[in-house]
Structure formats: structure tokens, C-alpha cells
Amino acid sequence: MRLRDKVAIVTGAGSGIGAAAAVAMAAESARVLVADVNEAGAKTTVQRIEGAGGQAIALTADVTRAADNQALVERATAAWGRLDVFFANAGVPQWKTDVEEVDETTFDTIFDVNVKGVYLGAKYALPVMKRARRGVFLITASTAAIRPRAGGQIYAASKGAVVTLAKALALEVASRPSPPTRRCCRPSWASRRWTPRGWRGTRRRCRSAGSTSRRTSRTPRSSSPRTRPP
């Protein structure tokens, strides 16, 4: 039970990678706060966890709102007294579109969720981890950050920003004694309800961004991203 007595927050945990990660963490004995903008999805994930004997709380949250991110951290620490893992997984895709057809609303939505959501998660989770001198901050990026696909220029740019943000956060905490750890997962494809057609069939990968190690850990499509216990 690698995560026994640990507390984790997972955003975008109502489906896809987030749900799989929340269930996997709970299976390793973590207590998980399941966050999603879709209340029904979050509750479904909690039901799966509790049905397997785990502990979880569902909380509706919009990661683009500072107040919601703050509430996630406050709820987890109030319920369980600590925070060990924050998985900033929530994200939105871009359907294959030529740049001249992309409207500003689409651009703003993608960057608000995929980039601002990660920044706000770090803003409220990392201070708790810095004070405790422990913790893991996980981010879902994408192979699109380094290998963009035609018609996905805004999504690729948002994930590129996330990779750079992960590196900057690593530098921020690296000089601290017993610093929190950050990891950036870059899946190439995962089965979820909004995966664009034509972008399927590639192998999923998780790679640490900004790490001195060049090793890549590969997981089957049915698995969640690997987590390192604090």
C-alpha cells in the first residue's frame, strides 16, 4: 500500500485519466478528493472508490477559478489534516481546426483550463507542501507539447506552456530542504469521450519534464499515470 495515510487531490477526476488515477491512488490506500466540473462524474468516481473499500470525497470545481482551487486544498486539509499529492489533470481538447477558423473563445477556454488551471492549483497546493517539506505536484501535459499535430495548434501551445511551467516550478522548489516533487506526464493518447478522431492509436507515454533523467515509463492504455509516493 504505497500511498497509505497519504492525501491526494485529483482534478478532472470525473472521467478518463483523472478518474483512473483517483481510483488507482485509492487502491494504494490514499484518501482522495475527487474534483471535476461535472458533479455527476465526480460522484461516480467516488462511488467506484468507496465500492472497493477506499476513502474519497467528491467536490465540484472549476479549475479556472481561484476560489475553487483554494477550496479544494482547504477541504482536503480540513478533512484529512494534510496534502501529499495534487494531480493537476483537468484539461480540454481542441478539435482539428485550421488556425483561421479558431475563435477567441476557443483559445481562451483551452488556455484557461489547461494552463491557468495548473497555475492556480500550484498557487494553493504548493504552499502547503512547502510548509510540510513533502509532497508531489503532478501535471498532465501531452506529447503535443513536443510533437504538435496539424489542426491542434492552440492545444499544443497550451501543453507546451504546461511543460515549461513544470520546469519553472521544479526550479522554485529545488533549493528547499526536503522539497516537494513535481512531475509532468505527457500522454500521447488516452481513451475518453472527447478524444478527436484521427489522433488515436498512438502509445501513451509519461515522461518527467525538466528531470535530469531521460528514462521514460510506459503504461498500458487501461492504466493510470504512475505516481511516486511522497
Protein backbone atom coordinates (compact mmCIF):
# COMPACT_ATOMS: atom_id res chain seq x y z
CA MET A 1 0.00 0.00 0.00
CA ARG A 2 2.38 2.68 -1.26
CA LEU A 3 0.10 5.62 -0.50
CA ARG A 4 -1.19 4.56 2.91
CA ASP A 5 -2.16 7.59 5.02
CA LYS A 6 -1.45 9.95 2.10
CA VAL A 7 -3.96 12.54 0.86
CA ALA A 8 -4.40 13.32 -2.82
CA ILE A 9 -6.40 15.82 -4.85
CA VAL A 10 -7.14 14.93 -8.47
CA THR A 11 -8.74 17.45 -10.82
CA GLY A 12 -10.68 16.35 -13.86
CA ALA A 13 -11.31 13.12 -11.97
CA GLY A 14 -14.81 12.55 -13.26
CA SER A 15 -13.58 10.62 -16.29
CA GLY A 16 -10.55 9.50 -18.28
CA ILE A 17 -7.04 9.78 -16.87
CA GLY A 18 -8.23 11.65 -13.79
CA ALA A 19 -10.76 9.01 -12.81
CA ALA A 20 -8.27 6.20 -13.43
CA ALA A 21 -5.63 7.99 -11.37
CA ALA A 22 -8.03 8.65 -8.48
CA VAL A 23 -9.12 5.02 -8.40
CA ALA A 24 -5.51 3.80 -8.61
CA MET A 25 -4.38 6.08 -5.78
CA ALA A 26 -7.27 4.95 -3.60
CA ALA A 27 -6.36 1.34 -4.35
CA GLU A 28 -2.94 2.15 -2.88
CA SER A 29 -4.71 3.37 0.29
CA ALA A 30 -4.65 7.12 -0.41
CA ARG A 31 -7.57 9.26 0.65
CA VAL A 32 -8.65 11.08 -2.48
CA LEU A 33 -10.51 14.32 -3.09
CA VAL A 34 -12.15 13.80 -6.48
CA ALA A 35 -12.65 17.15 -8.24
CA ASP A 36 -14.46 17.78 -11.51
CA VAL A 37 -16.61 20.45 -13.09
CA ASN A 38 -19.07 17.62 -13.77
CA GLU A 39 -20.66 16.83 -10.41
CA ALA A 40 -22.15 13.53 -11.59
CA GLY A 41 -18.80 12.37 -12.93
CA ALA A 42 -17.02 13.16 -9.67
CA LYS A 43 -19.65 11.30 -7.65
CA THR A 44 -19.39 8.29 -9.95
CA THR A 45 -15.65 8.10 -9.36
CA VAL A 46 -16.16 8.34 -5.61
CA GLN A 47 -18.70 5.52 -5.79
CA ARG A 48 -16.14 3.35 -7.57
CA ILE A 49 -13.56 4.11 -4.89
CA GLU A 50 -15.89 3.53 -1.98
CA GLY A 51 -17.24 0.38 -3.60
CA ALA A 52 -13.70 -1.01 -3.50
CA GLY A 53 -13.29 -0.06 0.16
CA GLY A 54 -11.44 3.24 -0.35
CA GLN A 55 -11.96 6.73 1.03
CA ALA A 56 -12.90 9.65 -1.21
CA ILE A 57 -14.79 12.93 -1.30
CA ALA A 58 -16.42 14.41 -4.41
CA LEU A 59 -16.21 18.16 -4.93
CA THR A 60 -17.48 20.16 -7.89
CA ALA A 61 -14.80 22.58 -9.02
CA ASP A 62 -13.93 24.79 -11.96
CA VAL A 63 -10.12 24.86 -12.12
CA THR A 64 -10.16 28.23 -13.89
CA ARG A 65 -11.46 29.84 -10.68
CA ALA A 66 -9.03 30.73 -7.89
CA ALA A 67 -11.70 30.27 -5.23
CA ASP A 68 -12.42 26.72 -6.39
CA ASN A 69 -8.75 25.70 -6.28
CA GLN A 70 -8.39 27.21 -2.83
CA ALA A 71 -11.50 25.33 -1.72
CA LEU A 72 -10.04 22.03 -2.93
CA VAL A 73 -6.92 22.43 -0.82
CA GLU A 74 -8.85 23.68 2.21
CA ARG A 75 -11.36 20.83 2.00
CA ALA A 76 -8.68 18.16 1.75
CA THR A 77 -6.64 19.53 4.64
CA ALA A 78 -9.73 20.10 6.78
CA ALA A 79 -11.00 16.56 6.17
CA TRP A 80 -7.71 14.68 6.48
CA GLY A 81 -5.18 17.08 8.00
CA ARG A 82 -2.59 17.03 5.22
CA LEU A 83 -1.93 17.19 1.48
CA ASP A 84 0.59 14.88 -0.17
CA VAL A 85 -0.39 14.78 -3.85
CA PHE A 86 -2.01 17.34 -6.11
CA PHE A 87 -2.69 16.00 -9.61
CA ALA A 88 -3.49 18.93 -11.92
CA ASN A 89 -5.08 16.79 -14.58
CA ALA A 90 -8.14 18.76 -15.74
CA GLY A 91 -7.92 19.78 -19.38
CA VAL A 92 -9.86 20.42 -22.56
CA PRO A 93 -9.01 19.35 -26.13
CA GLN A 94 -9.06 21.08 -29.46
CA TRP A 95 -10.87 19.53 -32.39
CA LYS A 96 -8.81 19.58 -35.58
CA THR A 97 -9.20 23.14 -36.85
CA ASP A 98 -7.18 25.43 -39.12
CA VAL A 99 -5.90 28.45 -37.23
CA GLU A 100 -8.03 30.94 -39.16
CA GLU A 101 -11.13 29.06 -38.00
CA VAL A 102 -10.21 29.14 -34.30
CA ASP A 103 -12.24 31.77 -32.45
CA GLU A 104 -11.03 33.69 -29.41
CA THR A 105 -13.47 31.93 -27.12
CA THR A 106 -11.95 28.55 -28.00
CA PHE A 107 -8.44 29.91 -27.46
CA ASP A 108 -9.35 31.42 -24.10
CA THR A 109 -11.12 28.27 -22.90
CA ILE A 110 -8.19 26.00 -23.76
CA PHE A 111 -5.62 28.24 -22.09
CA ASP A 112 -7.82 28.95 -19.08
CA VAL A 113 -8.33 25.29 -18.28
CA ASN A 114 -5.03 23.78 -19.48
CA VAL A 115 -2.64 26.47 -18.26
CA LYS A 116 -4.37 28.77 -15.79
CA GLY A 117 -5.89 25.75 -14.05
CA VAL A 118 -2.42 24.32 -13.39
CA TYR A 119 -1.08 27.67 -12.19
CA LEU A 120 -3.98 28.06 -9.75
CA GLY A 121 -3.54 24.51 -8.48
CA ALA A 122 0.13 25.20 -7.79
CA LYS A 123 -0.69 28.56 -6.22
CA TYR A 124 -2.73 26.93 -3.47
CA ALA A 125 -1.25 23.43 -3.18
CA LEU A 126 2.47 24.15 -3.22
CA PRO A 127 2.50 26.47 -0.17
CA VAL A 128 1.02 23.63 1.88
CA MET A 129 3.64 21.22 0.58
CA LYS A 130 6.47 23.71 1.12
CA ARG A 131 5.49 24.16 4.75
CA ALA A 132 5.25 20.40 5.25
CA ARG A 133 8.50 19.82 3.31
CA ARG A 134 6.91 16.98 1.41
CA GLY A 135 4.51 16.34 -1.42
CA VAL A 136 4.13 15.62 -5.11
CA PHE A 137 2.62 18.03 -7.64
CA LEU A 138 1.61 16.18 -10.81
CA ILE A 139 0.60 17.75 -14.12
CA THR A 140 -0.94 16.18 -17.21
CA ALA A 141 0.74 17.65 -20.28
CA SER A 142 0.79 15.96 -23.70
CA THR A 143 3.16 14.72 -26.37
CA ALA A 144 1.55 17.50 -28.41
CA ALA A 145 3.81 19.85 -26.45
CA ILE A 146 6.83 18.49 -28.29
CA ARG A 147 5.20 16.88 -31.35
CA PRO A 148 2.28 19.11 -32.39
CA ARG A 149 -0.39 17.75 -34.70
CA ALA A 150 -1.84 19.66 -37.62
CA GLY A 151 -5.02 21.45 -36.59
CA GLY A 152 -4.23 21.31 -32.88
CA GLN A 153 -2.06 24.41 -32.63
CA ILE A 154 -3.79 26.03 -29.63
CA TYR A 155 -3.93 22.80 -27.62
CA ALA A 156 -0.24 22.11 -28.41
CA ALA A 157 0.70 25.62 -27.32
CA SER A 158 -1.18 25.22 -24.04
CA LYS A 159 0.58 21.95 -23.27
CA GLY A 160 3.93 23.44 -24.21
CA ALA A 161 3.24 26.16 -21.66
CA VAL A 162 2.43 23.50 -19.07
CA VAL A 163 5.75 21.71 -19.66
CA THR A 164 7.65 24.97 -19.22
CA LEU A 165 5.61 25.76 -16.10
CA ALA A 166 6.55 22.38 -14.64
CA LYS A 167 10.24 23.10 -15.20
CA ALA A 168 9.92 26.54 -13.60
CA LEU A 169 8.11 25.09 -10.58
CA ALA A 170 10.87 22.49 -10.23
CA LEU A 171 13.47 25.25 -10.03
CA GLU A 172 11.36 27.11 -7.50
CA VAL A 173 11.21 24.22 -5.04
CA ALA A 174 14.58 22.58 -5.78
CA SER A 175 16.58 24.78 -3.41
CA ARG A 176 14.38 23.97 -0.42
CA PRO A 177 15.32 21.33 2.15
CA SER A 178 13.24 18.19 1.52
CA PRO A 179 11.40 19.97 -1.34
CA PRO A 180 8.08 18.89 -2.84
CA THR A 181 8.42 16.94 -6.07
CA ARG A 182 6.78 17.91 -9.33
CA ARG A 183 6.14 15.59 -12.26
CA CYS A 184 4.75 16.30 -15.71
CA CYS A 185 3.02 13.44 -17.52
CA ARG A 186 2.83 13.64 -21.32
CA PRO A 187 0.23 11.14 -22.61
CA SER A 188 0.06 10.80 -26.39
CA TRP A 189 -3.45 9.33 -26.32
CA ALA A 190 -5.97 8.17 -23.77
CA SER A 191 -9.47 6.87 -24.28
CA ARG A 192 -12.04 9.44 -23.21
CA ARG A 193 -15.28 10.69 -24.57
CA TRP A 194 -13.82 13.71 -26.39
CA THR A 195 -10.68 12.21 -27.97
CA PRO A 196 -10.59 13.65 -31.53
CA ARG A 197 -10.82 11.18 -34.37
CA GLY A 198 -7.62 10.69 -36.28
CA TRP A 199 -5.50 11.24 -33.19
CA ARG A 200 -5.94 7.71 -31.85
CA GLY A 201 -3.76 4.66 -31.99
CA THR A 202 -0.52 6.06 -30.62
CA ARG A 203 1.09 4.73 -27.49
CA ARG A 204 0.62 6.65 -24.26
CA ARG A 205 3.73 7.85 -22.51
CA CYS A 206 4.52 9.54 -19.26
CA ARG A 207 7.79 11.43 -19.03
CA SER A 208 9.16 13.65 -16.31
CA ALA A 209 9.60 17.17 -17.63
CA GLY A 210 12.67 19.04 -16.55
CA SER A 211 14.15 15.99 -14.81
CA THR A 212 17.80 15.07 -15.16
CA SER A 213 16.68 11.54 -16.01
CA ARG A 214 15.86 10.72 -19.61
CA ARG A 215 14.09 7.48 -18.79
CA THR A 216 10.53 7.08 -19.98
CA SER A 217 7.96 4.93 -18.18
CA ARG A 218 5.27 3.41 -20.37
CA THR A 219 1.89 2.26 -19.18
CA PRO A 220 -0.87 0.30 -20.90
CA ARG A 221 -3.86 2.26 -22.13
CA SER A 222 -6.02 0.91 -19.36
CA SER A 223 -3.64 2.12 -16.66
CA SER A 224 -3.41 5.42 -14.86
CA PRO A 225 -0.26 7.56 -14.93
CA ARG A 226 2.30 6.32 -12.46
CA THR A 227 2.52 8.19 -9.22
CA ARG A 228 5.52 8.39 -6.94
CA PRO A 229 4.74 8.15 -3.24
CA PRO A 230 5.80 11.26 -1.29
